[in-house]
Amino acid sequence: MLAKDVEREAKLGRQISVSDLATATGRSRAAIYRAVRTGELGSTKLGRTPMILPHEALRMLGIEPEPEMAAAA
């Protein structure tokens, strides 16, 4: 998924997969999983799969989340 697609999905309040965020940011999936594991990147689990919270995905893209989005997390 492209960065603009991840941005759009996150702004709609949808959680982002590790693979999509890795592709959009140019980082490896392992780096994203490591950030989730260390607590640097907020996530929730869908079954066993970590999903990145929308405001965290925006932060990784360098976009300031809207105040109400960050407050909802």
N, C-alpha and C. Protein backbone atom coordinates (compact mmCIF):
# COMPACT_ATOMS: atom_id res chain seq x y z
N MET A 1 0.84 -1.17 0.00
CA MET A 1 0.00 0.00 0.00
C MET A 1 0.90 1.24 0.00
N LEU A 2 0.57 2.22 -0.80
CA LEU A 2 1.35 3.45 -0.88
C LEU A 2 1.11 4.33 0.35
N ALA A 3 2.03 5.24 0.60
CA ALA A 3 1.92 6.13 1.75
C ALA A 3 0.61 6.91 1.74
N LYS A 4 0.19 7.39 0.57
CA LYS A 4 -1.04 8.16 0.50
C LYS A 4 -2.26 7.29 0.83
N ASP A 5 -2.20 6.01 0.47
CA ASP A 5 -3.30 5.10 0.80
C ASP A 5 -3.34 4.81 2.29
N VAL A 6 -2.16 4.61 2.90
CA VAL A 6 -2.09 4.39 4.34
C VAL A 6 -2.60 5.63 5.06
N GLU A 7 -2.20 6.81 4.59
CA GLU A 7 -2.66 8.06 5.20
C GLU A 7 -4.18 8.16 5.14
N ARG A 8 -4.75 7.89 3.98
CA ARG A 8 -6.20 7.97 3.82
C ARG A 8 -6.91 6.99 4.76
N GLU A 9 -6.43 5.75 4.80
CA GLU A 9 -7.05 4.74 5.66
C GLU A 9 -6.96 5.12 7.14
N ALA A 10 -5.79 5.62 7.55
CA ALA A 10 -5.60 6.00 8.94
C ALA A 10 -6.48 7.19 9.31
N LYS A 11 -6.63 8.14 8.39
CA LYS A 11 -7.49 9.30 8.66
C LYS A 11 -8.95 8.90 8.74
N LEU A 12 -9.30 7.77 8.15
CA LEU A 12 -10.66 7.24 8.26
C LEU A 12 -10.84 6.43 9.54
N GLY A 13 -9.75 6.30 10.32
CA GLY A 13 -9.81 5.59 11.59
C GLY A 13 -9.58 4.10 11.49
N ARG A 14 -9.05 3.65 10.36
CA ARG A 14 -8.82 2.22 10.18
C ARG A 14 -7.42 1.84 10.63
N GLN A 15 -7.32 0.66 11.21
CA GLN A 15 -6.02 0.15 11.63
C GLN A 15 -5.23 -0.29 10.40
N ILE A 16 -3.91 -0.24 10.51
CA ILE A 16 -3.03 -0.52 9.38
C ILE A 16 -2.20 -1.77 9.68
N SER A 17 -2.05 -2.62 8.68
CA SER A 17 -1.25 -3.83 8.87
C SER A 17 0.24 -3.49 8.91
N VAL A 18 1.00 -4.36 9.53
CA VAL A 18 2.45 -4.17 9.61
C VAL A 18 3.05 -4.12 8.20
N SER A 19 2.62 -5.00 7.32
CA SER A 19 3.15 -5.03 5.96
C SER A 19 2.88 -3.74 5.21
N ASP A 20 1.66 -3.22 5.34
CA ASP A 20 1.31 -1.98 4.64
C ASP A 20 2.11 -0.81 5.18
N LEU A 21 2.29 -0.73 6.49
CA LEU A 21 3.06 0.36 7.08
C LEU A 21 4.53 0.25 6.69
N ALA A 22 5.06 -0.96 6.66
CA ALA A 22 6.45 -1.15 6.26
C ALA A 22 6.66 -0.69 4.82
N THR A 23 5.76 -1.05 3.93
CA THR A 23 5.87 -0.63 2.54
C THR A 23 5.78 0.89 2.42
N ALA A 24 4.83 1.49 3.12
CA ALA A 24 4.60 2.93 3.02
C ALA A 24 5.76 3.75 3.59
N THR A 25 6.43 3.22 4.61
CA THR A 25 7.51 3.98 5.25
C THR A 25 8.89 3.60 4.72
N GLY A 26 8.98 2.52 3.95
CA GLY A 26 10.27 2.08 3.43
C GLY A 26 11.10 1.34 4.47
N ARG A 27 10.46 0.92 5.53
CA ARG A 27 11.15 0.13 6.57
C ARG A 27 10.81 -1.34 6.39
N SER A 28 11.59 -2.17 7.02
CA SER A 28 11.33 -3.61 6.92
C SER A 28 10.19 -4.00 7.86
N ARG A 29 9.55 -5.11 7.54
CA ARG A 29 8.51 -5.64 8.43
C ARG A 29 9.11 -5.96 9.79
N ALA A 30 10.34 -6.47 9.80
CA ALA A 30 10.99 -6.79 11.08
C ALA A 30 11.16 -5.54 11.94
N ALA A 31 11.50 -4.42 11.32
CA ALA A 31 11.67 -3.17 12.07
C ALA A 31 10.33 -2.71 12.67
N ILE A 32 9.26 -2.87 11.91
CA ILE A 32 7.93 -2.48 12.42
C ILE A 32 7.52 -3.41 13.56
N TYR A 33 7.72 -4.72 13.37
CA TYR A 33 7.40 -5.67 14.45
C TYR A 33 8.22 -5.37 15.70
N ARG A 34 9.49 -5.02 15.53
CA ARG A 34 10.35 -4.68 16.67
C ARG A 34 9.81 -3.45 17.40
N ALA A 35 9.37 -2.44 16.65
CA ALA A 35 8.81 -1.22 17.25
C ALA A 35 7.53 -1.54 18.02
N VAL A 36 6.73 -2.46 17.50
CA VAL A 36 5.52 -2.89 18.21
C VAL A 36 5.90 -3.62 19.49
N ARG A 37 6.86 -4.54 19.38
CA ARG A 37 7.28 -5.35 20.53
C ARG A 37 7.86 -4.49 21.65
N THR A 38 8.63 -3.46 21.30
CA THR A 38 9.25 -2.62 22.32
C THR A 38 8.33 -1.53 22.85
N GLY A 39 7.14 -1.39 22.24
CA GLY A 39 6.19 -0.39 22.69
C GLY A 39 6.39 0.98 22.05
N GLU A 40 7.33 1.08 21.13
CA GLU A 40 7.59 2.34 20.44
C GLU A 40 6.43 2.70 19.51
N LEU A 41 5.72 1.68 19.06
CA LEU A 41 4.63 1.86 18.11
C LEU A 41 3.38 1.20 18.69
N GLY A 42 2.34 2.00 18.88
CA GLY A 42 1.10 1.47 19.47
C GLY A 42 0.36 0.57 18.50
N SER A 43 -0.15 -0.52 19.05
CA SER A 43 -0.88 -1.47 18.21
C SER A 43 -1.94 -2.17 19.03
N THR A 44 -2.77 -2.90 18.33
CA THR A 44 -3.74 -3.78 18.94
C THR A 44 -3.66 -5.09 18.17
N LYS A 45 -4.25 -6.13 18.70
CA LYS A 45 -4.17 -7.41 17.99
C LYS A 45 -5.52 -7.79 17.41
N LEU A 46 -5.46 -8.31 16.21
CA LEU A 46 -6.61 -8.88 15.54
C LEU A 46 -6.30 -10.37 15.45
N GLY A 47 -6.80 -11.12 16.41
CA GLY A 47 -6.36 -12.51 16.56
C GLY A 47 -4.92 -12.49 17.04
N ARG A 48 -4.00 -13.06 16.26
CA ARG A 48 -2.57 -13.03 16.61
C ARG A 48 -1.81 -11.96 15.84
N THR A 49 -2.52 -11.26 14.97
CA THR A 49 -1.88 -10.29 14.08
C THR A 49 -1.90 -8.88 14.67
N PRO A 50 -0.74 -8.27 14.87
CA PRO A 50 -0.75 -6.89 15.36
C PRO A 50 -1.20 -5.93 14.25
N MET A 51 -2.06 -5.00 14.62
CA MET A 51 -2.53 -3.97 13.70
C MET A 51 -2.15 -2.62 14.31
N ILE A 52 -1.58 -1.75 13.50
CA ILE A 52 -1.09 -0.46 13.96
C ILE A 52 -2.26 0.50 14.10
N LEU A 53 -2.30 1.19 15.24
CA LEU A 53 -3.36 2.16 15.49
C LEU A 53 -3.25 3.31 14.49
N PRO A 54 -4.39 3.87 14.07
CA PRO A 54 -4.36 4.91 13.04
C PRO A 54 -3.45 6.09 13.36
N HIS A 55 -3.53 6.62 14.58
CA HIS A 55 -2.70 7.78 14.90
C HIS A 55 -1.22 7.44 14.93
N GLU A 56 -0.89 6.20 15.24
CA GLU A 56 0.51 5.76 15.22
C GLU A 56 1.02 5.62 13.79
N ALA A 57 0.15 5.14 12.89
CA ALA A 57 0.53 5.03 11.48
C ALA A 57 0.82 6.42 10.91
N LEU A 58 -0.04 7.39 11.23
CA LEU A 58 0.19 8.75 10.77
C LEU A 58 1.49 9.31 11.32
N ARG A 59 1.76 9.04 12.58
CA ARG A 59 3.00 9.51 13.20
C ARG A 59 4.21 8.93 12.48
N MET A 60 4.16 7.65 12.13
CA MET A 60 5.27 7.02 11.41
C MET A 60 5.46 7.61 10.01
N LEU A 61 4.38 8.13 9.44
CA LEU A 61 4.46 8.77 8.13
C LEU A 61 4.89 10.23 8.24
N GLY A 62 5.03 10.72 9.48
CA GLY A 62 5.44 12.10 9.68
C GLY A 62 4.29 13.08 9.57
N ILE A 63 3.07 12.60 9.78
CA ILE A 63 1.88 13.43 9.68
C ILE A 63 1.31 13.60 11.08
N GLU A 64 1.03 14.84 11.44
CA GLU A 64 0.45 15.13 12.75
C GLU A 64 -1.00 14.65 12.76
N PRO A 65 -1.35 13.71 13.67
CA PRO A 65 -2.74 13.25 13.71
C PRO A 65 -3.65 14.37 14.20
N GLU A 66 -4.88 14.32 13.75
CA GLU A 66 -5.87 15.30 14.21
C GLU A 66 -6.09 15.10 15.71
N PRO A 67 -6.30 16.19 16.47
CA PRO A 67 -6.42 16.09 17.94
C PRO A 67 -7.45 15.08 18.41
N GLU A 68 -8.61 15.02 17.77
CA GLU A 68 -9.64 14.08 18.22
C GLU A 68 -9.24 12.63 17.97
N MET A 69 -8.40 12.38 16.94
CA MET A 69 -7.95 11.02 16.67
C MET A 69 -7.00 10.55 17.76
N ALA A 70 -6.07 11.39 18.16
CA ALA A 70 -5.10 11.04 19.20
C ALA A 70 -5.80 10.88 20.55
N ALA A 71 -6.81 11.69 20.81
CA ALA A 71 -7.52 11.62 22.08
C ALA A 71 -8.37 10.35 22.17
N ALA A 72 -8.82 9.84 21.05
CA ALA A 72 -9.66 8.63 21.03
C ALA A 72 -8.85 7.37 21.32
N ALA A 73 -7.55 7.43 21.15
CA ALA A 73 -6.71 6.24 21.32
C ALA A 73 -6.44 5.90 22.73
